[in-house]
Amino acid sequence: MNVWHAGMNKFFTLYERVKVRVEMAATNVFNHPNWSNPGTNASTTVSAGVVTGVGGVQGGSTGDKPGARTLRAGFRLEF
């Protein structure tokens, strides 16, 4: 699996005890496909050594399957 996630945040002080946090997070930053293993059945010469799809573990929002690139922005007020 070749999946890269990244995030950045910055704090801004509004008052002595009030801060704003601005953040940006990205999953699957490079949007790189993870190919499945090639076919290993040597008796079928048509499919031997052919990659037929995208591999990796299947999951959903658990982070197991990267899927397409997604970005998320957020603002957080701390006091």
N, C-alpha and C. Protein backbone atom coordinates (compact mmCIF):
# COMPACT_ATOMS: atom_id res chain seq x y z
N MET A 1 0.85 -1.18 0.00
CA MET A 1 0.00 0.00 0.00
C MET A 1 0.89 1.24 0.00
N ASN A 2 0.53 2.18 -0.81
CA ASN A 2 1.25 3.44 -0.91
C ASN A 2 0.23 4.56 -0.74
N VAL A 3 -0.02 4.94 0.51
CA VAL A 3 -1.03 5.96 0.80
C VAL A 3 -0.39 7.01 1.71
N TRP A 4 -0.53 8.26 1.34
CA TRP A 4 0.02 9.36 2.12
C TRP A 4 -1.11 10.26 2.59
N HIS A 5 -1.09 10.58 3.89
CA HIS A 5 -2.04 11.52 4.47
C HIS A 5 -1.24 12.71 5.01
N ALA A 6 -1.82 13.88 5.01
CA ALA A 6 -1.11 15.07 5.50
C ALA A 6 -2.09 16.03 6.16
N GLY A 7 -1.55 16.83 7.04
CA GLY A 7 -2.38 17.82 7.71
C GLY A 7 -1.54 19.01 8.16
N MET A 8 -2.18 20.16 8.22
CA MET A 8 -1.53 21.38 8.68
C MET A 8 -2.51 22.14 9.56
N ASN A 9 -1.98 22.83 10.56
CA ASN A 9 -2.83 23.70 11.36
C ASN A 9 -2.04 24.91 11.83
N LYS A 10 -2.76 25.95 12.18
CA LYS A 10 -2.16 27.19 12.64
C LYS A 10 -3.05 27.80 13.71
N PHE A 11 -2.44 28.22 14.82
CA PHE A 11 -3.16 28.89 15.89
C PHE A 11 -3.03 30.40 15.75
N PHE A 12 -4.13 31.11 15.95
CA PHE A 12 -4.15 32.56 15.99
C PHE A 12 -4.72 32.97 17.33
N THR A 13 -4.05 33.87 18.03
CA THR A 13 -4.52 34.35 19.32
C THR A 13 -5.35 35.61 19.10
N LEU A 14 -6.63 35.54 19.51
CA LEU A 14 -7.51 36.70 19.39
C LEU A 14 -7.42 37.59 20.62
N TYR A 15 -7.55 36.98 21.78
CA TYR A 15 -7.43 37.67 23.05
C TYR A 15 -6.51 36.85 23.93
N GLU A 16 -6.33 37.26 25.15
CA GLU A 16 -5.39 36.56 26.03
C GLU A 16 -5.76 35.08 26.20
N ARG A 17 -7.03 34.77 26.30
CA ARG A 17 -7.45 33.39 26.55
C ARG A 17 -8.29 32.81 25.42
N VAL A 18 -8.32 33.44 24.28
CA VAL A 18 -9.13 32.98 23.15
C VAL A 18 -8.22 32.76 21.95
N LYS A 19 -8.28 31.54 21.41
CA LYS A 19 -7.48 31.19 20.23
C LYS A 19 -8.38 30.60 19.16
N VAL A 20 -7.97 30.78 17.92
CA VAL A 20 -8.64 30.16 16.79
C VAL A 20 -7.64 29.24 16.12
N ARG A 21 -8.06 28.02 15.86
CA ARG A 21 -7.21 27.06 15.16
C ARG A 21 -7.79 26.83 13.77
N VAL A 22 -6.99 27.07 12.74
CA VAL A 22 -7.38 26.83 11.35
C VAL A 22 -6.62 25.60 10.90
N GLU A 23 -7.34 24.62 10.35
CA GLU A 23 -6.67 23.38 9.97
C GLU A 23 -7.12 22.89 8.60
N MET A 24 -6.24 22.15 7.95
CA MET A 24 -6.51 21.53 6.66
C MET A 24 -5.91 20.13 6.71
N ALA A 25 -6.71 19.13 6.37
CA ALA A 25 -6.25 17.74 6.36
C ALA A 25 -6.59 17.11 5.01
N ALA A 26 -5.70 16.26 4.52
CA ALA A 26 -5.91 15.59 3.24
C ALA A 26 -5.61 14.11 3.39
N THR A 27 -6.46 13.27 2.80
CA THR A 27 -6.21 11.83 2.76
C THR A 27 -5.90 11.44 1.32
N ASN A 28 -4.98 10.51 1.16
CA ASN A 28 -4.52 10.05 -0.14
C ASN A 28 -4.07 11.25 -0.98
N VAL A 29 -3.10 11.99 -0.46
CA VAL A 29 -2.65 13.25 -1.04
C VAL A 29 -2.23 13.10 -2.50
N PHE A 30 -1.47 12.06 -2.83
CA PHE A 30 -0.96 11.90 -4.18
C PHE A 30 -1.92 11.17 -5.10
N ASN A 31 -3.05 10.66 -4.56
CA ASN A 31 -4.08 9.98 -5.33
C ASN A 31 -3.47 8.85 -6.18
N HIS A 32 -2.59 8.08 -5.56
CA HIS A 32 -1.86 7.01 -6.23
C HIS A 32 -2.65 5.70 -6.17
N PRO A 33 -2.88 5.02 -7.32
CA PRO A 33 -3.59 3.74 -7.27
C PRO A 33 -2.67 2.65 -6.72
N ASN A 34 -3.22 1.72 -5.98
CA ASN A 34 -2.48 0.57 -5.46
C ASN A 34 -2.98 -0.66 -6.20
N TRP A 35 -2.19 -1.12 -7.17
CA TRP A 35 -2.61 -2.20 -8.05
C TRP A 35 -2.60 -3.54 -7.34
N SER A 36 -3.49 -4.43 -7.75
CA SER A 36 -3.53 -5.78 -7.19
C SER A 36 -2.40 -6.60 -7.79
N ASN A 37 -2.19 -7.79 -7.26
CA ASN A 37 -1.14 -8.68 -7.75
C ASN A 37 -1.48 -9.19 -9.14
N PRO A 38 -0.48 -9.47 -9.97
CA PRO A 38 -0.76 -10.01 -11.31
C PRO A 38 -1.25 -11.45 -11.23
N GLY A 39 -1.93 -11.90 -12.29
CA GLY A 39 -2.41 -13.27 -12.35
C GLY A 39 -1.25 -14.26 -12.34
N THR A 40 -1.39 -15.36 -11.60
CA THR A 40 -0.30 -16.33 -11.47
C THR A 40 -0.63 -17.68 -12.07
N ASN A 41 -1.77 -17.81 -12.75
CA ASN A 41 -2.15 -19.08 -13.35
C ASN A 41 -1.42 -19.20 -14.70
N ALA A 42 -0.37 -20.03 -14.72
CA ALA A 42 0.45 -20.17 -15.93
C ALA A 42 -0.24 -21.00 -17.01
N SER A 43 -1.27 -21.78 -16.64
CA SER A 43 -1.96 -22.59 -17.65
C SER A 43 -2.84 -21.73 -18.56
N THR A 44 -3.23 -20.57 -18.10
CA THR A 44 -4.00 -19.63 -18.91
C THR A 44 -3.06 -18.50 -19.33
N THR A 45 -2.53 -18.59 -20.53
CA THR A 45 -1.52 -17.63 -20.96
C THR A 45 -2.09 -16.23 -21.17
N VAL A 46 -3.39 -16.12 -21.36
CA VAL A 46 -4.00 -14.80 -21.57
C VAL A 46 -3.95 -13.96 -20.31
N SER A 47 -4.18 -14.58 -19.14
CA SER A 47 -4.26 -13.81 -17.90
C SER A 47 -3.01 -13.95 -17.03
N ALA A 48 -2.01 -14.71 -17.46
CA ALA A 48 -0.79 -14.87 -16.66
C ALA A 48 0.01 -13.57 -16.68
N GLY A 49 0.29 -13.04 -15.51
CA GLY A 49 1.07 -11.82 -15.40
C GLY A 49 0.31 -10.54 -15.68
N VAL A 50 -1.01 -10.60 -15.78
CA VAL A 50 -1.81 -9.42 -16.08
C VAL A 50 -2.42 -8.88 -14.79
N VAL A 51 -2.28 -7.59 -14.57
CA VAL A 51 -2.90 -6.92 -13.43
C VAL A 51 -4.31 -6.53 -13.86
N THR A 52 -5.32 -7.00 -13.10
CA THR A 52 -6.70 -6.79 -13.53
C THR A 52 -7.46 -5.76 -12.70
N GLY A 53 -6.85 -5.22 -11.68
CA GLY A 53 -7.61 -4.25 -10.88
C GLY A 53 -6.77 -3.57 -9.83
N VAL A 54 -7.46 -2.84 -9.00
CA VAL A 54 -6.83 -2.13 -7.90
C VAL A 54 -6.92 -3.01 -6.67
N GLY A 55 -5.82 -3.17 -5.95
CA GLY A 55 -5.79 -4.06 -4.79
C GLY A 55 -5.88 -3.33 -3.49
N GLY A 56 -5.37 -3.94 -2.45
CA GLY A 56 -5.43 -3.37 -1.12
C GLY A 56 -6.60 -3.92 -0.35
N VAL A 57 -6.59 -3.71 0.93
CA VAL A 57 -7.69 -4.18 1.77
C VAL A 57 -8.90 -3.30 1.57
N GLN A 58 -10.05 -3.89 1.66
CA GLN A 58 -11.29 -3.14 1.45
C GLN A 58 -11.82 -2.69 2.80
N GLY A 59 -12.05 -1.45 2.93
CA GLY A 59 -12.59 -0.89 4.17
C GLY A 59 -13.42 0.30 3.80
N GLY A 60 -13.84 1.15 4.42
CA GLY A 60 -14.55 2.31 3.92
C GLY A 60 -14.01 3.53 4.58
N SER A 61 -14.73 4.00 5.55
CA SER A 61 -14.29 5.19 6.27
C SER A 61 -13.24 4.85 7.33
N THR A 62 -12.85 3.57 7.44
CA THR A 62 -11.88 3.18 8.46
C THR A 62 -10.47 3.56 8.08
N GLY A 63 -10.25 3.99 6.85
CA GLY A 63 -8.91 4.36 6.42
C GLY A 63 -8.17 3.21 5.78
N ASP A 64 -8.78 2.01 5.71
CA ASP A 64 -8.11 0.86 5.12
C ASP A 64 -7.98 1.03 3.61
N LYS A 65 -9.02 1.46 2.97
CA LYS A 65 -9.01 1.67 1.53
C LYS A 65 -8.90 3.16 1.28
N PRO A 66 -7.85 3.61 0.59
CA PRO A 66 -7.65 5.04 0.46
C PRO A 66 -8.71 5.75 -0.36
N GLY A 67 -9.18 5.14 -1.43
CA GLY A 67 -10.17 5.82 -2.27
C GLY A 67 -9.58 7.04 -2.94
N ALA A 68 -10.40 7.95 -3.34
CA ALA A 68 -9.94 9.16 -4.00
C ALA A 68 -9.40 10.16 -2.98
N ARG A 69 -8.70 11.14 -3.46
CA ARG A 69 -8.16 12.18 -2.60
C ARG A 69 -9.31 12.98 -1.99
N THR A 70 -9.23 13.24 -0.69
CA THR A 70 -10.23 14.05 -0.02
C THR A 70 -9.53 15.13 0.80
N LEU A 71 -10.13 16.29 0.88
CA LEU A 71 -9.62 17.41 1.66
C LEU A 71 -10.67 17.82 2.69
N ARG A 72 -10.18 18.27 3.84
CA ARG A 72 -11.10 18.73 4.88
C ARG A 72 -10.51 19.98 5.52
N ALA A 73 -11.32 21.00 5.67
CA ALA A 73 -10.90 22.24 6.32
C ALA A 73 -11.72 22.43 7.58
N GLY A 74 -11.10 23.02 8.59
CA GLY A 74 -11.82 23.22 9.84
C GLY A 74 -11.34 24.45 10.58
N PHE A 75 -12.24 25.00 11.38
CA PHE A 75 -11.95 26.13 12.25
C PHE A 75 -12.35 25.72 13.66
N ARG A 76 -11.51 26.04 14.63
CA ARG A 76 -11.80 25.64 16.00
C ARG A 76 -11.54 26.82 16.93
N LEU A 77 -12.50 27.14 17.74
CA LEU A 77 -12.38 28.24 18.70
C LEU A 77 -12.12 27.65 20.07
N GLU A 78 -11.02 28.06 20.69
CA GLU A 78 -10.66 27.57 22.02
C GLU A 78 -10.62 28.74 22.99
N PHE A 79 -11.28 28.52 24.15
CA PHE A 79 -11.30 29.58 25.16
C PHE A 79 -11.24 28.97 26.53
